[in-house]
Amino acid sequence: MKRDVTKGDIPVLILAVLAEEPCHGYAIARCIEQQSAQALQMKEGSLYPALRVLEQDELIVGEWEIQPSGPARKVYRITANGQAELTKRRQEWDEYIHTMNLVMGRRHNAQPA
């Protein structure tokens, strides 16, 4: 199952990647794809606007790094505010999954009429 990452999921996925280590945009996209076993496809046209919003919201910070060869690239790091937001979103996700499992479990265990 391959699918594009939905707009609402992009920020939390970016924060999750950056919680592991600082990355530049292209590496963030490839990391999401790798960690999802290629099931989620991250398009740069969606990634970079999300990075700008996260920066404006002070959840991440970007710094230009000069490369020994090739052009400079912007490397992003999660901030303390970003880490707090990620923690909140993980808790919300856990609650959502728990609720869905309750409903799915009831349905799965229901006896036929």
N, C-alpha and C. Protein backbone atom coordinates (compact mmCIF):
# COMPACT_ATOMS: atom_id res chain seq x y z
N MET A 1 0.84 -1.18 0.00
CA MET A 1 0.00 0.00 0.00
C MET A 1 0.88 1.24 0.00
N LYS A 2 0.92 1.95 -1.09
CA LYS A 2 1.64 3.21 -1.17
C LYS A 2 0.64 4.33 -1.21
N ARG A 3 0.92 5.40 -0.46
CA ARG A 3 0.03 6.55 -0.52
C ARG A 3 0.82 7.80 -0.16
N ASP A 4 0.33 8.92 -0.66
CA ASP A 4 0.92 10.20 -0.31
C ASP A 4 0.57 10.52 1.13
N VAL A 5 1.48 11.19 1.81
CA VAL A 5 1.23 11.61 3.18
C VAL A 5 0.19 12.72 3.14
N THR A 6 -0.81 12.64 4.01
CA THR A 6 -1.84 13.67 4.03
C THR A 6 -1.31 14.95 4.67
N LYS A 7 -1.85 16.06 4.25
CA LYS A 7 -1.37 17.37 4.69
C LYS A 7 -1.35 17.50 6.21
N GLY A 8 -2.38 17.01 6.88
CA GLY A 8 -2.46 17.13 8.33
C GLY A 8 -1.43 16.28 9.08
N ASP A 9 -0.91 15.24 8.43
CA ASP A 9 0.06 14.36 9.07
C ASP A 9 1.51 14.81 8.87
N ILE A 10 1.74 15.66 7.90
CA ILE A 10 3.10 16.05 7.55
C ILE A 10 3.84 16.69 8.73
N PRO A 11 3.27 17.68 9.43
CA PRO A 11 4.03 18.31 10.51
C PRO A 11 4.48 17.34 11.60
N VAL A 12 3.61 16.44 12.03
CA VAL A 12 3.99 15.52 13.10
C VAL A 12 5.04 14.52 12.62
N LEU A 13 4.97 14.11 11.37
CA LEU A 13 5.99 13.22 10.84
C LEU A 13 7.35 13.92 10.77
N ILE A 14 7.35 15.18 10.37
CA ILE A 14 8.59 15.96 10.34
C ILE A 14 9.17 16.07 11.74
N LEU A 15 8.32 16.42 12.71
CA LEU A 15 8.80 16.54 14.10
C LEU A 15 9.37 15.22 14.60
N ALA A 16 8.72 14.11 14.26
CA ALA A 16 9.21 12.80 14.70
C ALA A 16 10.59 12.50 14.13
N VAL A 17 10.79 12.82 12.86
CA VAL A 17 12.10 12.60 12.24
C VAL A 17 13.15 13.49 12.90
N LEU A 18 12.82 14.76 13.08
CA LEU A 18 13.79 15.70 13.66
C LEU A 18 14.06 15.42 15.13
N ALA A 19 13.17 14.73 15.81
CA ALA A 19 13.42 14.34 17.21
C ALA A 19 14.57 13.34 17.28
N GLU A 20 14.79 12.61 16.19
CA GLU A 20 15.89 11.63 16.14
C GLU A 20 17.22 12.30 15.85
N GLU A 21 17.21 13.24 14.88
CA GLU A 21 18.45 13.94 14.51
C GLU A 21 18.12 15.08 13.56
N PRO A 22 18.97 16.12 13.53
CA PRO A 22 18.77 17.20 12.57
C PRO A 22 18.90 16.67 11.14
N CYS A 23 18.12 17.22 10.23
CA CYS A 23 18.13 16.78 8.83
C CYS A 23 17.82 17.94 7.90
N HIS A 24 18.23 17.81 6.67
CA HIS A 24 17.78 18.74 5.63
C HIS A 24 16.51 18.17 5.00
N GLY A 25 15.79 18.99 4.26
CA GLY A 25 14.48 18.63 3.75
C GLY A 25 14.43 17.33 2.99
N TYR A 26 15.34 17.16 2.04
CA TYR A 26 15.33 15.93 1.23
C TYR A 26 15.50 14.71 2.12
N ALA A 27 16.39 14.79 3.11
CA ALA A 27 16.63 13.66 4.01
C ALA A 27 15.40 13.36 4.87
N ILE A 28 14.67 14.40 5.26
CA ILE A 28 13.43 14.20 6.03
C ILE A 28 12.44 13.38 5.21
N ALA A 29 12.26 13.77 3.96
CA ALA A 29 11.32 13.06 3.09
C ALA A 29 11.72 11.60 2.91
N ARG A 30 13.00 11.36 2.65
CA ARG A 30 13.47 9.99 2.45
C ARG A 30 13.36 9.17 3.74
N CYS A 31 13.60 9.78 4.88
CA CYS A 31 13.50 9.08 6.17
C CYS A 31 12.06 8.62 6.42
N ILE A 32 11.09 9.50 6.14
CA ILE A 32 9.68 9.12 6.30
C ILE A 32 9.34 7.94 5.40
N GLU A 33 9.83 7.99 4.18
CA GLU A 33 9.57 6.89 3.25
C GLU A 33 10.23 5.60 3.73
N GLN A 34 11.47 5.69 4.17
CA GLN A 34 12.19 4.49 4.65
C GLN A 34 11.53 3.92 5.89
N GLN A 35 11.21 4.77 6.86
CA GLN A 35 10.65 4.28 8.11
C GLN A 35 9.25 3.70 7.93
N SER A 36 8.58 4.09 6.86
CA SER A 36 7.25 3.53 6.59
C SER A 36 7.34 2.36 5.61
N ALA A 37 8.54 1.85 5.38
CA ALA A 37 8.75 0.76 4.41
C ALA A 37 8.19 1.13 3.04
N GLN A 38 8.38 2.40 2.68
CA GLN A 38 7.96 2.95 1.39
C GLN A 38 6.45 3.07 1.24
N ALA A 39 5.68 2.86 2.31
CA ALA A 39 4.22 2.96 2.23
C ALA A 39 3.77 4.41 2.13
N LEU A 40 4.50 5.32 2.77
CA LEU A 40 4.17 6.75 2.71
C LEU A 40 5.12 7.45 1.76
N GLN A 41 4.56 8.19 0.84
CA GLN A 41 5.37 8.93 -0.13
C GLN A 41 5.32 10.42 0.21
N MET A 42 6.47 11.00 0.45
CA MET A 42 6.55 12.40 0.83
C MET A 42 6.99 13.22 -0.39
N LYS A 43 6.13 14.13 -0.80
CA LYS A 43 6.44 14.98 -1.96
C LYS A 43 7.02 16.30 -1.46
N GLU A 44 8.08 16.75 -2.13
CA GLU A 44 8.74 17.98 -1.73
C GLU A 44 7.80 19.18 -1.80
N GLY A 45 6.82 19.13 -2.70
CA GLY A 45 5.86 20.23 -2.83
C GLY A 45 4.99 20.39 -1.59
N SER A 46 4.87 19.36 -0.80
CA SER A 46 4.14 19.42 0.47
C SER A 46 5.08 19.63 1.64
N LEU A 47 6.29 19.09 1.53
CA LEU A 47 7.25 19.13 2.62
C LEU A 47 7.72 20.55 2.94
N TYR A 48 8.17 21.28 1.93
CA TYR A 48 8.80 22.58 2.20
C TYR A 48 7.83 23.63 2.75
N PRO A 49 6.59 23.68 2.28
CA PRO A 49 5.64 24.59 2.94
C PRO A 49 5.42 24.23 4.41
N ALA A 50 5.36 22.95 4.72
CA ALA A 50 5.19 22.52 6.10
C ALA A 50 6.40 22.90 6.95
N LEU A 51 7.59 22.78 6.39
CA LEU A 51 8.80 23.19 7.11
C LEU A 51 8.75 24.68 7.43
N ARG A 52 8.30 25.48 6.47
CA ARG A 52 8.20 26.93 6.71
C ARG A 52 7.23 27.25 7.84
N VAL A 53 6.09 26.57 7.85
CA VAL A 53 5.10 26.81 8.91
C VAL A 53 5.65 26.38 10.26
N LEU A 54 6.29 25.23 10.31
CA LEU A 54 6.87 24.77 11.58
C LEU A 54 7.94 25.74 12.08
N GLU A 55 8.70 26.31 11.15
CA GLU A 55 9.70 27.31 11.53
C GLU A 55 9.02 28.58 12.07
N GLN A 56 7.99 29.05 11.37
CA GLN A 56 7.26 30.24 11.82
C GLN A 56 6.63 30.02 13.19
N ASP A 57 6.18 28.81 13.45
CA ASP A 57 5.57 28.47 14.74
C ASP A 57 6.61 28.16 15.81
N GLU A 58 7.88 28.26 15.45
CA GLU A 58 9.02 28.03 16.36
C GLU A 58 9.05 26.62 16.92
N LEU A 59 8.58 25.67 16.12
CA LEU A 59 8.65 24.27 16.51
C LEU A 59 9.93 23.61 15.99
N ILE A 60 10.50 24.23 14.96
CA ILE A 60 11.81 23.82 14.43
C ILE A 60 12.61 25.07 14.12
N VAL A 61 13.90 24.90 13.96
CA VAL A 61 14.77 26.00 13.54
C VAL A 61 15.64 25.46 12.41
N GLY A 62 15.82 26.29 11.39
CA GLY A 62 16.65 25.89 10.26
C GLY A 62 17.89 26.76 10.18
N GLU A 63 19.02 26.13 9.88
CA GLU A 63 20.29 26.84 9.72
C GLU A 63 20.95 26.38 8.44
N TRP A 64 21.50 27.33 7.71
CA TRP A 64 22.19 27.00 6.47
C TRP A 64 23.55 26.43 6.80
N GLU A 65 23.88 25.31 6.17
CA GLU A 65 25.20 24.69 6.33
C GLU A 65 25.90 24.69 4.99
N ILE A 66 27.15 25.14 5.02
CA ILE A 66 27.98 25.13 3.82
C ILE A 66 28.54 23.72 3.65
N GLN A 67 28.44 23.21 2.44
CA GLN A 67 28.92 21.86 2.14
C GLN A 67 30.31 21.94 1.51
N PRO A 68 31.17 20.95 1.75
CA PRO A 68 32.50 20.95 1.12
C PRO A 68 32.40 20.95 -0.40
N SER A 69 31.38 20.27 -0.91
CA SER A 69 31.14 20.30 -2.35
C SER A 69 29.63 20.41 -2.55
N GLY A 70 29.23 21.17 -3.50
CA GLY A 70 27.81 21.35 -3.75
C GLY A 70 27.27 22.57 -3.02
N PRO A 71 25.99 22.85 -3.24
CA PRO A 71 25.39 24.04 -2.65
C PRO A 71 25.14 23.89 -1.15
N ALA A 72 24.99 25.03 -0.49
CA ALA A 72 24.62 25.02 0.93
C ALA A 72 23.23 24.41 1.05
N ARG A 73 22.95 23.84 2.21
CA ARG A 73 21.62 23.28 2.44
C ARG A 73 21.15 23.67 3.83
N LYS A 74 19.85 23.77 3.96
CA LYS A 74 19.26 24.16 5.23
C LYS A 74 18.99 22.91 6.05
N VAL A 75 19.54 22.88 7.25
CA VAL A 75 19.36 21.74 8.15
C VAL A 75 18.44 22.18 9.27
N TYR A 76 17.45 21.35 9.54
CA TYR A 76 16.42 21.67 10.53
C TYR A 76 16.65 20.88 11.81
N ARG A 77 16.36 21.55 12.93
CA ARG A 77 16.43 20.93 14.26
C ARG A 77 15.13 21.20 14.99
N ILE A 78 14.70 20.25 15.79
CA ILE A 78 13.49 20.43 16.59
C ILE A 78 13.82 21.33 17.79
N THR A 79 12.90 22.19 18.17
CA THR A 79 13.07 23.05 19.34
C THR A 79 12.39 22.41 20.55
N ALA A 80 12.56 23.03 21.70
CA ALA A 80 11.87 22.54 22.91
C ALA A 80 10.36 22.62 22.69
N ASN A 81 9.88 23.69 22.06
CA ASN A 81 8.45 23.79 21.75
C ASN A 81 8.01 22.68 20.79
N GLY A 82 8.86 22.37 19.84
CA GLY A 82 8.56 21.30 18.90
C GLY A 82 8.51 19.95 19.58
N GLN A 83 9.42 19.73 20.52
CA GLN A 83 9.42 18.46 21.26
C GLN A 83 8.15 18.34 22.10
N ALA A 84 7.74 19.45 22.71
CA ALA A 84 6.49 19.43 23.50
C ALA A 84 5.29 19.15 22.60
N GLU A 85 5.26 19.75 21.42
CA GLU A 85 4.17 19.51 20.47
C GLU A 85 4.16 18.05 20.02
N LEU A 86 5.33 17.49 19.77
CA LEU A 86 5.42 16.09 19.35
C LEU A 86 4.91 15.18 20.46
N THR A 87 5.28 15.46 21.69
CA THR A 87 4.80 14.67 22.82
C THR A 87 3.28 14.72 22.91
N LYS A 88 2.73 15.91 22.74
CA LYS A 88 1.27 16.09 22.77
C LYS A 88 0.61 15.30 21.64
N ARG A 89 1.16 15.41 20.44
CA ARG A 89 0.57 14.71 19.28
C ARG A 89 0.68 13.19 19.42
N ARG A 90 1.78 12.72 20.03
CA ARG A 90 1.91 11.27 20.25
C ARG A 90 0.85 10.79 21.24
N GLN A 91 0.60 11.57 22.28
CA GLN A 91 -0.44 11.21 23.25
C GLN A 91 -1.81 11.18 22.59
N GLU A 92 -2.09 12.19 21.76
CA GLU A 92 -3.36 12.22 21.04
C GLU A 92 -3.49 11.01 20.12
N TRP A 93 -2.39 10.66 19.44
CA TRP A 93 -2.41 9.51 18.54
C TRP A 93 -2.67 8.23 19.32
N ASP A 94 -2.01 8.05 20.46
CA ASP A 94 -2.20 6.87 21.29
C ASP A 94 -3.66 6.76 21.74
N GLU A 95 -4.26 7.89 22.12
CA GLU A 95 -5.66 7.89 22.54
C GLU A 95 -6.58 7.53 21.37
N TYR A 96 -6.28 8.05 20.19
CA TYR A 96 -7.06 7.75 19.00
C TYR A 96 -7.00 6.25 18.68
N ILE A 97 -5.78 5.71 18.68
CA ILE A 97 -5.61 4.29 18.38
C ILE A 97 -6.32 3.44 19.43
N HIS A 98 -6.20 3.82 20.69
CA HIS A 98 -6.88 3.08 21.77
C HIS A 98 -8.39 3.08 21.53
N THR A 99 -8.94 4.24 21.19
CA THR A 99 -10.38 4.34 20.95
C THR A 99 -10.80 3.50 19.75
N MET A 100 -10.04 3.58 18.68
CA MET A 100 -10.35 2.77 17.50
C MET A 100 -10.28 1.29 17.82
N ASN A 101 -9.28 0.89 18.60
CA ASN A 101 -9.17 -0.52 18.98
C ASN A 101 -10.35 -0.98 19.82
N LEU A 102 -10.85 -0.10 20.67
CA LEU A 102 -12.04 -0.46 21.45
C LEU A 102 -13.21 -0.77 20.54
N VAL A 103 -13.42 0.11 19.57
CA VAL A 103 -14.54 -0.08 18.65
C VAL A 103 -14.29 -1.30 17.77
N MET A 104 -13.12 -1.41 17.23
CA MET A 104 -12.81 -2.53 16.34
C MET A 104 -12.86 -3.85 17.10
N GLY A 105 -12.40 -3.84 18.36
CA GLY A 105 -12.44 -5.05 19.17
C GLY A 105 -13.85 -5.49 19.45
N ARG A 106 -14.73 -4.54 19.76
CA ARG A 106 -16.14 -4.86 20.02
C ARG A 106 -16.77 -5.45 18.76
N ARG A 107 -16.48 -4.84 17.65
CA ARG A 107 -17.05 -5.31 16.39
C ARG A 107 -16.53 -6.69 16.04
N HIS A 108 -15.26 -6.88 16.27
CA HIS A 108 -14.62 -8.16 15.96
C HIS A 108 -15.18 -9.28 16.84
N ASN A 109 -15.46 -8.94 18.10
CA ASN A 109 -15.94 -9.95 19.05
C ASN A 109 -17.46 -10.12 19.04
N ALA A 110 -18.14 -9.29 18.29
CA ALA A 110 -19.61 -9.36 18.28
C ALA A 110 -20.07 -10.69 17.69
N GLN A 111 -21.10 -11.23 18.27
CA GLN A 111 -21.67 -12.50 17.79
C GLN A 111 -22.66 -12.21 16.67
N PRO A 112 -22.70 -13.03 15.66
CA PRO A 112 -23.67 -12.82 14.58
C PRO A 112 -25.09 -12.95 15.11
N ALA A 113 -26.01 -12.22 14.50
CA ALA A 113 -27.43 -12.24 14.95
C ALA A 113 -28.14 -13.44 14.40
